[in-house]
Amino acid sequence: MKMTVLVTAILASLLGVQSVAAESLGQNEYMIACAGCHGESAKGDGPLAELLKIGTPDLTGLTARNEGRFPFEYTVFMIDRREVLPVHGNDMPVWGDRFQASATSQRGETAEMVARGRILSLVYYLQSIQQQ
């Protein structure tokens, strides 16, 4: 996991990802990939939430549940999910695989770079909507 976070941080700096731009991209990404389960407000009340086997968490309270610090690395890890062992009954998609499989590039980025960029955009957006 430490290597994943390190690679993600390096890619972010090399690609010049700025948090403001990432938040906007992240909001669009969130509405497409996450809002169905977590809701447009990220409160865990999406239209598909009641169909899941597990509770859908309120994503606006990640900082509050982590002693006032946004769990950046953990959030990257949980969205990517390529390093998570599958557990029976877990409905969270492996977004790292999905983003990598659907990656397209206009500037020569690898599929891995595109996937990491999409994940970072989501994380920056989630960080921006935290409620204390």
N, C-alpha and C. Protein backbone atom coordinates (compact mmCIF):
# COMPACT_ATOMS: atom_id res chain seq x y z
N MET A 1 0.82 -1.18 0.00
CA MET A 1 0.00 0.00 0.00
C MET A 1 0.87 1.25 0.00
N LYS A 2 1.99 1.23 0.74
CA LYS A 2 2.87 2.40 0.78
C LYS A 2 3.41 2.70 -0.61
N MET A 3 3.74 1.65 -1.38
CA MET A 3 4.25 1.85 -2.72
C MET A 3 3.17 2.47 -3.61
N THR A 4 1.93 2.01 -3.45
CA THR A 4 0.83 2.55 -4.23
C THR A 4 0.65 4.04 -3.95
N VAL A 5 0.70 4.41 -2.70
CA VAL A 5 0.54 5.82 -2.32
C VAL A 5 1.71 6.63 -2.86
N LEU A 6 2.92 6.11 -2.77
CA LEU A 6 4.09 6.81 -3.27
C LEU A 6 3.98 7.02 -4.78
N VAL A 7 3.62 5.98 -5.52
CA VAL A 7 3.47 6.09 -6.97
C VAL A 7 2.38 7.11 -7.31
N THR A 8 1.28 7.07 -6.57
CA THR A 8 0.19 8.01 -6.80
C THR A 8 0.65 9.44 -6.57
N ALA A 9 1.39 9.67 -5.51
CA ALA A 9 1.89 11.02 -5.20
C ALA A 9 2.85 11.50 -6.28
N ILE A 10 3.72 10.63 -6.73
CA ILE A 10 4.68 11.00 -7.78
C ILE A 10 3.95 11.33 -9.06
N LEU A 11 2.98 10.50 -9.44
CA LEU A 11 2.21 10.76 -10.65
C LEU A 11 1.47 12.08 -10.55
N ALA A 12 0.91 12.36 -9.39
CA ALA A 12 0.19 13.62 -9.20
C ALA A 12 1.12 14.81 -9.42
N SER A 13 2.32 14.73 -8.88
CA SER A 13 3.24 15.85 -9.04
C SER A 13 3.76 15.94 -10.47
N LEU A 14 4.04 14.81 -11.10
CA LEU A 14 4.52 14.83 -12.48
C LEU A 14 3.48 15.34 -13.45
N LEU A 15 2.23 14.99 -13.23
CA LEU A 15 1.16 15.40 -14.13
C LEU A 15 0.64 16.79 -13.80
N GLY A 16 1.12 17.36 -12.72
CA GLY A 16 0.69 18.70 -12.36
C GLY A 16 -0.76 18.75 -11.93
N VAL A 17 -1.23 17.72 -11.28
CA VAL A 17 -2.61 17.70 -10.82
C VAL A 17 -2.78 18.76 -9.76
N GLN A 18 -3.68 19.67 -9.98
CA GLN A 18 -3.96 20.70 -8.99
C GLN A 18 -5.29 20.36 -8.36
N SER A 19 -5.39 20.58 -7.06
CA SER A 19 -6.57 20.13 -6.34
C SER A 19 -7.85 20.77 -6.83
N VAL A 20 -7.83 22.02 -7.26
CA VAL A 20 -9.05 22.67 -7.74
C VAL A 20 -9.56 21.98 -8.99
N ALA A 21 -8.67 21.73 -9.93
CA ALA A 21 -9.06 21.05 -11.15
C ALA A 21 -9.49 19.62 -10.85
N ALA A 22 -8.78 18.98 -9.94
CA ALA A 22 -9.11 17.60 -9.58
C ALA A 22 -10.48 17.52 -8.92
N GLU A 23 -10.83 18.54 -8.11
CA GLU A 23 -12.14 18.53 -7.47
C GLU A 23 -13.25 18.57 -8.51
N SER A 24 -13.10 19.41 -9.52
CA SER A 24 -14.12 19.51 -10.56
C SER A 24 -14.22 18.21 -11.35
N LEU A 25 -13.07 17.69 -11.75
CA LEU A 25 -13.05 16.40 -12.44
C LEU A 25 -13.56 15.30 -11.52
N GLY A 26 -13.17 15.40 -10.27
CA GLY A 26 -13.59 14.41 -9.29
C GLY A 26 -15.09 14.41 -9.07
N GLN A 27 -15.70 15.59 -9.06
CA GLN A 27 -17.15 15.67 -8.89
C GLN A 27 -17.85 14.99 -10.06
N ASN A 28 -17.38 15.23 -11.27
CA ASN A 28 -17.96 14.55 -12.43
C ASN A 28 -17.77 13.04 -12.33
N GLU A 29 -16.57 12.64 -11.96
CA GLU A 29 -16.27 11.21 -11.79
C GLU A 29 -17.17 10.61 -10.72
N TYR A 30 -17.34 11.33 -9.61
CA TYR A 30 -18.17 10.86 -8.52
C TYR A 30 -19.61 10.63 -8.98
N MET A 31 -20.16 11.58 -9.71
CA MET A 31 -21.55 11.47 -10.15
C MET A 31 -21.74 10.26 -11.07
N ILE A 32 -20.72 9.93 -11.84
CA ILE A 32 -20.81 8.79 -12.76
C ILE A 32 -20.59 7.46 -12.02
N ALA A 33 -19.55 7.40 -11.21
CA ALA A 33 -19.12 6.13 -10.62
C ALA A 33 -19.69 5.84 -9.23
N CYS A 34 -19.99 6.87 -8.45
CA CYS A 34 -20.27 6.66 -7.02
C CYS A 34 -21.67 7.02 -6.56
N ALA A 35 -22.27 8.01 -7.21
CA ALA A 35 -23.55 8.54 -6.73
C ALA A 35 -24.67 7.51 -6.73
N GLY A 36 -24.60 6.52 -7.59
CA GLY A 36 -25.64 5.49 -7.62
C GLY A 36 -25.80 4.79 -6.28
N CYS A 37 -24.71 4.57 -5.59
CA CYS A 37 -24.75 3.91 -4.28
C CYS A 37 -24.66 4.91 -3.13
N HIS A 38 -23.73 5.86 -3.24
CA HIS A 38 -23.48 6.78 -2.13
C HIS A 38 -24.37 8.01 -2.16
N GLY A 39 -25.10 8.22 -3.25
CA GLY A 39 -26.00 9.37 -3.36
C GLY A 39 -25.29 10.60 -3.88
N GLU A 40 -26.04 11.50 -4.50
CA GLU A 40 -25.46 12.73 -5.03
C GLU A 40 -24.83 13.57 -3.92
N SER A 41 -25.37 13.49 -2.72
CA SER A 41 -24.84 14.25 -1.58
C SER A 41 -23.74 13.49 -0.85
N ALA A 42 -23.43 12.27 -1.28
CA ALA A 42 -22.40 11.40 -0.67
C ALA A 42 -22.76 10.96 0.74
N LYS A 43 -24.02 11.01 1.09
CA LYS A 43 -24.48 10.65 2.44
C LYS A 43 -24.80 9.15 2.57
N GLY A 44 -24.61 8.37 1.50
CA GLY A 44 -24.88 6.94 1.56
C GLY A 44 -26.31 6.59 1.20
N ASP A 45 -27.00 7.52 0.56
CA ASP A 45 -28.42 7.34 0.29
C ASP A 45 -28.74 7.27 -1.21
N GLY A 46 -27.85 6.69 -1.98
CA GLY A 46 -28.08 6.57 -3.41
C GLY A 46 -29.21 5.60 -3.73
N PRO A 47 -29.74 5.68 -4.94
CA PRO A 47 -30.87 4.83 -5.32
C PRO A 47 -30.57 3.33 -5.29
N LEU A 48 -29.32 2.95 -5.36
CA LEU A 48 -28.95 1.53 -5.32
C LEU A 48 -28.56 1.05 -3.93
N ALA A 49 -28.43 1.96 -2.99
CA ALA A 49 -27.92 1.62 -1.65
C ALA A 49 -28.74 0.53 -0.97
N GLU A 50 -30.05 0.59 -1.09
CA GLU A 50 -30.88 -0.40 -0.40
C GLU A 50 -30.79 -1.80 -1.03
N LEU A 51 -30.25 -1.89 -2.22
CA LEU A 51 -30.10 -3.19 -2.88
C LEU A 51 -28.82 -3.92 -2.48
N LEU A 52 -27.91 -3.20 -1.81
CA LEU A 52 -26.61 -3.77 -1.46
C LEU A 52 -26.69 -4.61 -0.19
N LYS A 53 -25.76 -5.55 -0.07
CA LYS A 53 -25.71 -6.44 1.09
C LYS A 53 -25.08 -5.76 2.31
N ILE A 54 -24.36 -4.69 2.08
CA ILE A 54 -23.67 -3.98 3.15
C ILE A 54 -24.21 -2.56 3.24
N GLY A 55 -23.97 -1.90 4.34
CA GLY A 55 -24.36 -0.50 4.49
C GLY A 55 -23.48 0.38 3.62
N THR A 56 -24.07 1.39 3.03
CA THR A 56 -23.31 2.32 2.20
C THR A 56 -22.91 3.51 3.06
N PRO A 57 -21.62 3.73 3.27
CA PRO A 57 -21.19 4.79 4.20
C PRO A 57 -21.43 6.20 3.69
N ASP A 58 -21.58 7.10 4.64
CA ASP A 58 -21.65 8.53 4.39
C ASP A 58 -20.22 8.98 4.14
N LEU A 59 -19.92 9.41 2.92
CA LEU A 59 -18.56 9.78 2.57
C LEU A 59 -18.21 11.20 2.97
N THR A 60 -19.17 11.95 3.47
CA THR A 60 -18.88 13.32 3.92
C THR A 60 -18.34 13.33 5.35
N GLY A 61 -18.32 12.19 6.01
CA GLY A 61 -17.87 12.11 7.39
C GLY A 61 -16.55 11.38 7.57
N LEU A 62 -15.79 11.21 6.49
CA LEU A 62 -14.52 10.50 6.60
C LEU A 62 -13.55 11.22 7.54
N THR A 63 -13.47 12.53 7.43
CA THR A 63 -12.58 13.30 8.29
C THR A 63 -13.03 13.24 9.74
N ALA A 64 -14.32 13.41 9.96
CA ALA A 64 -14.86 13.38 11.33
C ALA A 64 -14.62 12.03 11.99
N ARG A 65 -14.70 10.95 11.22
CA ARG A 65 -14.49 9.61 11.77
C ARG A 65 -13.00 9.28 11.93
N ASN A 66 -12.14 10.17 11.47
CA ASN A 66 -10.70 9.94 11.53
C ASN A 66 -10.01 11.05 12.34
N GLU A 67 -10.62 11.41 13.45
CA GLU A 67 -10.06 12.39 14.39
C GLU A 67 -9.69 13.71 13.73
N GLY A 68 -10.51 14.16 12.77
CA GLY A 68 -10.31 15.47 12.15
C GLY A 68 -9.32 15.52 11.02
N ARG A 69 -8.79 14.37 10.63
CA ARG A 69 -7.83 14.32 9.52
C ARG A 69 -8.43 13.50 8.39
N PHE A 70 -8.38 14.05 7.18
CA PHE A 70 -8.90 13.31 6.03
C PHE A 70 -7.97 12.13 5.74
N PRO A 71 -8.51 10.91 5.68
CA PRO A 71 -7.69 9.71 5.46
C PRO A 71 -7.34 9.52 3.98
N PHE A 72 -6.45 10.36 3.48
CA PHE A 72 -6.12 10.40 2.06
C PHE A 72 -5.66 9.04 1.53
N GLU A 73 -4.65 8.46 2.15
CA GLU A 73 -4.09 7.19 1.69
C GLU A 73 -5.13 6.07 1.73
N TYR A 74 -5.88 6.01 2.81
CA TYR A 74 -6.92 4.99 2.95
C TYR A 74 -7.99 5.15 1.88
N THR A 75 -8.34 6.40 1.58
CA THR A 75 -9.37 6.65 0.57
C THR A 75 -8.89 6.22 -0.81
N VAL A 76 -7.64 6.52 -1.14
CA VAL A 76 -7.06 6.04 -2.40
C VAL A 76 -7.13 4.51 -2.45
N PHE A 77 -6.71 3.88 -1.38
CA PHE A 77 -6.69 2.43 -1.28
C PHE A 77 -8.09 1.83 -1.48
N MET A 78 -9.08 2.43 -0.83
CA MET A 78 -10.44 1.87 -0.89
C MET A 78 -11.13 2.11 -2.23
N ILE A 79 -10.79 3.17 -2.92
CA ILE A 79 -11.36 3.39 -4.25
C ILE A 79 -10.67 2.48 -5.25
N ASP A 80 -9.36 2.42 -5.20
CA ASP A 80 -8.59 1.59 -6.13
C ASP A 80 -8.97 0.11 -5.97
N ARG A 81 -8.83 -0.41 -4.78
CA ARG A 81 -9.23 -1.76 -4.38
C ARG A 81 -8.50 -2.90 -5.09
N ARG A 82 -7.50 -2.61 -5.91
CA ARG A 82 -6.78 -3.70 -6.57
C ARG A 82 -5.91 -4.47 -5.59
N GLU A 83 -5.62 -3.89 -4.43
CA GLU A 83 -4.79 -4.57 -3.43
C GLU A 83 -5.62 -5.09 -2.26
N VAL A 84 -6.94 -5.08 -2.39
CA VAL A 84 -7.82 -5.54 -1.32
C VAL A 84 -8.23 -6.98 -1.61
N LEU A 85 -8.10 -7.83 -0.61
CA LEU A 85 -8.56 -9.20 -0.77
C LEU A 85 -10.09 -9.21 -0.80
N PRO A 86 -10.67 -9.90 -1.77
CA PRO A 86 -12.13 -9.93 -1.83
C PRO A 86 -12.72 -10.61 -0.59
N VAL A 87 -13.77 -10.03 -0.08
CA VAL A 87 -14.46 -10.56 1.09
C VAL A 87 -15.89 -10.86 0.69
N HIS A 88 -16.41 -11.96 1.14
CA HIS A 88 -17.78 -12.34 0.83
C HIS A 88 -18.75 -11.22 1.23
N GLY A 89 -19.62 -10.85 0.29
CA GLY A 89 -20.63 -9.85 0.59
C GLY A 89 -20.18 -8.42 0.37
N ASN A 90 -18.97 -8.20 -0.15
CA ASN A 90 -18.48 -6.85 -0.38
C ASN A 90 -18.95 -6.37 -1.75
N ASP A 91 -19.74 -5.30 -1.76
CA ASP A 91 -20.30 -4.80 -3.00
C ASP A 91 -19.50 -3.67 -3.63
N MET A 92 -18.45 -3.20 -2.99
CA MET A 92 -17.66 -2.09 -3.52
C MET A 92 -16.88 -2.57 -4.74
N PRO A 93 -17.07 -1.89 -5.87
CA PRO A 93 -16.34 -2.28 -7.09
C PRO A 93 -14.84 -2.05 -6.97
N VAL A 94 -14.08 -2.74 -7.78
CA VAL A 94 -12.64 -2.55 -7.88
C VAL A 94 -12.43 -1.48 -8.95
N TRP A 95 -12.49 -0.21 -8.52
CA TRP A 95 -12.45 0.89 -9.48
C TRP A 95 -11.11 0.98 -10.19
N GLY A 96 -10.02 0.61 -9.55
CA GLY A 96 -8.71 0.65 -10.21
C GLY A 96 -8.72 -0.18 -11.48
N ASP A 97 -9.26 -1.38 -11.42
CA ASP A 97 -9.35 -2.25 -12.60
C ASP A 97 -10.28 -1.65 -13.65
N ARG A 98 -11.42 -1.15 -13.22
CA ARG A 98 -12.39 -0.58 -14.16
C ARG A 98 -11.82 0.65 -14.86
N PHE A 99 -11.19 1.53 -14.08
CA PHE A 99 -10.63 2.74 -14.68
C PHE A 99 -9.48 2.41 -15.63
N GLN A 100 -8.67 1.43 -15.26
CA GLN A 100 -7.55 1.05 -16.11
C GLN A 100 -8.05 0.40 -17.40
N ALA A 101 -9.06 -0.46 -17.30
CA ALA A 101 -9.58 -1.15 -18.47
C ALA A 101 -10.22 -0.19 -19.47
N SER A 102 -10.80 0.89 -18.98
CA SER A 102 -11.49 1.82 -19.87
C SER A 102 -10.63 3.04 -20.23
N ALA A 103 -9.36 3.01 -19.85
CA ALA A 103 -8.48 4.17 -20.05
C ALA A 103 -8.23 4.44 -21.52
N THR A 104 -8.30 5.70 -21.86
CA THR A 104 -7.88 6.18 -23.17
C THR A 104 -6.95 7.35 -22.93
N SER A 105 -6.04 7.56 -23.85
CA SER A 105 -5.05 8.62 -23.68
C SER A 105 -4.94 9.43 -24.95
N GLN A 106 -4.83 10.74 -24.77
CA GLN A 106 -4.61 11.63 -25.91
C GLN A 106 -3.21 12.21 -25.87
N ARG A 107 -2.51 12.01 -24.75
CA ARG A 107 -1.17 12.59 -24.60
C ARG A 107 -0.12 11.54 -24.31
N GLY A 108 -0.43 10.29 -24.46
CA GLY A 108 0.55 9.24 -24.26
C GLY A 108 0.62 8.66 -22.87
N GLU A 109 -0.33 9.00 -21.98
CA GLU A 109 -0.32 8.42 -20.65
C GLU A 109 -0.62 6.93 -20.74
N THR A 110 -0.05 6.17 -19.81
CA THR A 110 -0.37 4.75 -19.75
C THR A 110 -1.75 4.57 -19.13
N ALA A 111 -2.32 3.40 -19.28
CA ALA A 111 -3.62 3.10 -18.67
C ALA A 111 -3.54 3.22 -17.16
N GLU A 112 -2.39 2.85 -16.57
CA GLU A 112 -2.20 2.97 -15.14
C GLU A 112 -2.22 4.43 -14.70
N MET A 113 -1.58 5.30 -15.47
CA MET A 113 -1.56 6.72 -15.14
C MET A 113 -2.98 7.31 -15.20
N VAL A 114 -3.73 6.91 -16.20
CA VAL A 114 -5.11 7.40 -16.33
C VAL A 114 -5.94 6.93 -15.15
N ALA A 115 -5.80 5.65 -14.79
CA ALA A 115 -6.56 5.12 -13.65
C ALA A 115 -6.19 5.86 -12.38
N ARG A 116 -4.92 6.07 -12.13
CA ARG A 116 -4.49 6.79 -10.92
C ARG A 116 -5.00 8.23 -10.92
N GLY A 117 -5.00 8.87 -12.07
CA GLY A 117 -5.52 10.22 -12.16
C GLY A 117 -6.99 10.30 -11.81
N ARG A 118 -7.77 9.33 -12.29
CA ARG A 118 -9.20 9.30 -11.98
C ARG A 118 -9.43 9.05 -10.49
N ILE A 119 -8.64 8.17 -9.92
CA ILE A 119 -8.75 7.88 -8.48
C ILE A 119 -8.39 9.13 -7.67
N LEU A 120 -7.30 9.79 -8.03
CA LEU A 120 -6.91 11.00 -7.32
C LEU A 120 -7.97 12.09 -7.43
N SER A 121 -8.57 12.22 -8.59
CA SER A 121 -9.64 13.21 -8.77
C SER A 121 -10.78 12.94 -7.81
N LEU A 122 -11.15 11.67 -7.69
CA LEU A 122 -12.21 11.30 -6.75
C LEU A 122 -11.82 11.62 -5.31
N VAL A 123 -10.60 11.30 -4.94
CA VAL A 123 -10.15 11.53 -3.57
C VAL A 123 -10.13 13.02 -3.25
N TYR A 124 -9.61 13.84 -4.16
CA TYR A 124 -9.60 15.29 -3.93
C TYR A 124 -11.03 15.82 -3.79
N TYR A 125 -11.93 15.31 -4.60
CA TYR A 125 -13.32 15.74 -4.49
C TYR A 125 -13.90 15.35 -3.13
N LEU A 126 -13.69 14.11 -2.73
CA LEU A 126 -14.20 13.67 -1.42
C LEU A 126 -13.61 14.50 -0.29
N GLN A 127 -12.35 14.83 -0.41
CA GLN A 127 -11.71 15.67 0.61
C GLN A 127 -12.39 17.04 0.67
N SER A 128 -12.82 17.55 -0.47
CA SER A 128 -13.43 18.88 -0.51
C SER A 128 -14.84 18.94 0.06
N ILE A 129 -15.50 17.80 0.21
CA ILE A 129 -16.90 17.80 0.69
C ILE A 129 -17.04 17.32 2.13
N GLN A 130 -15.93 17.25 2.83
CA GLN A 130 -15.99 16.75 4.21
C GLN A 130 -16.71 17.73 5.13
N GLN A 131 -17.49 17.16 6.04
CA GLN A 131 -18.20 17.96 7.05
C GLN A 131 -17.64 17.60 8.42
N GLN A 132 -17.45 18.60 9.23
CA GLN A 132 -16.89 18.36 10.56
C GLN A 132 -17.99 18.05 11.56
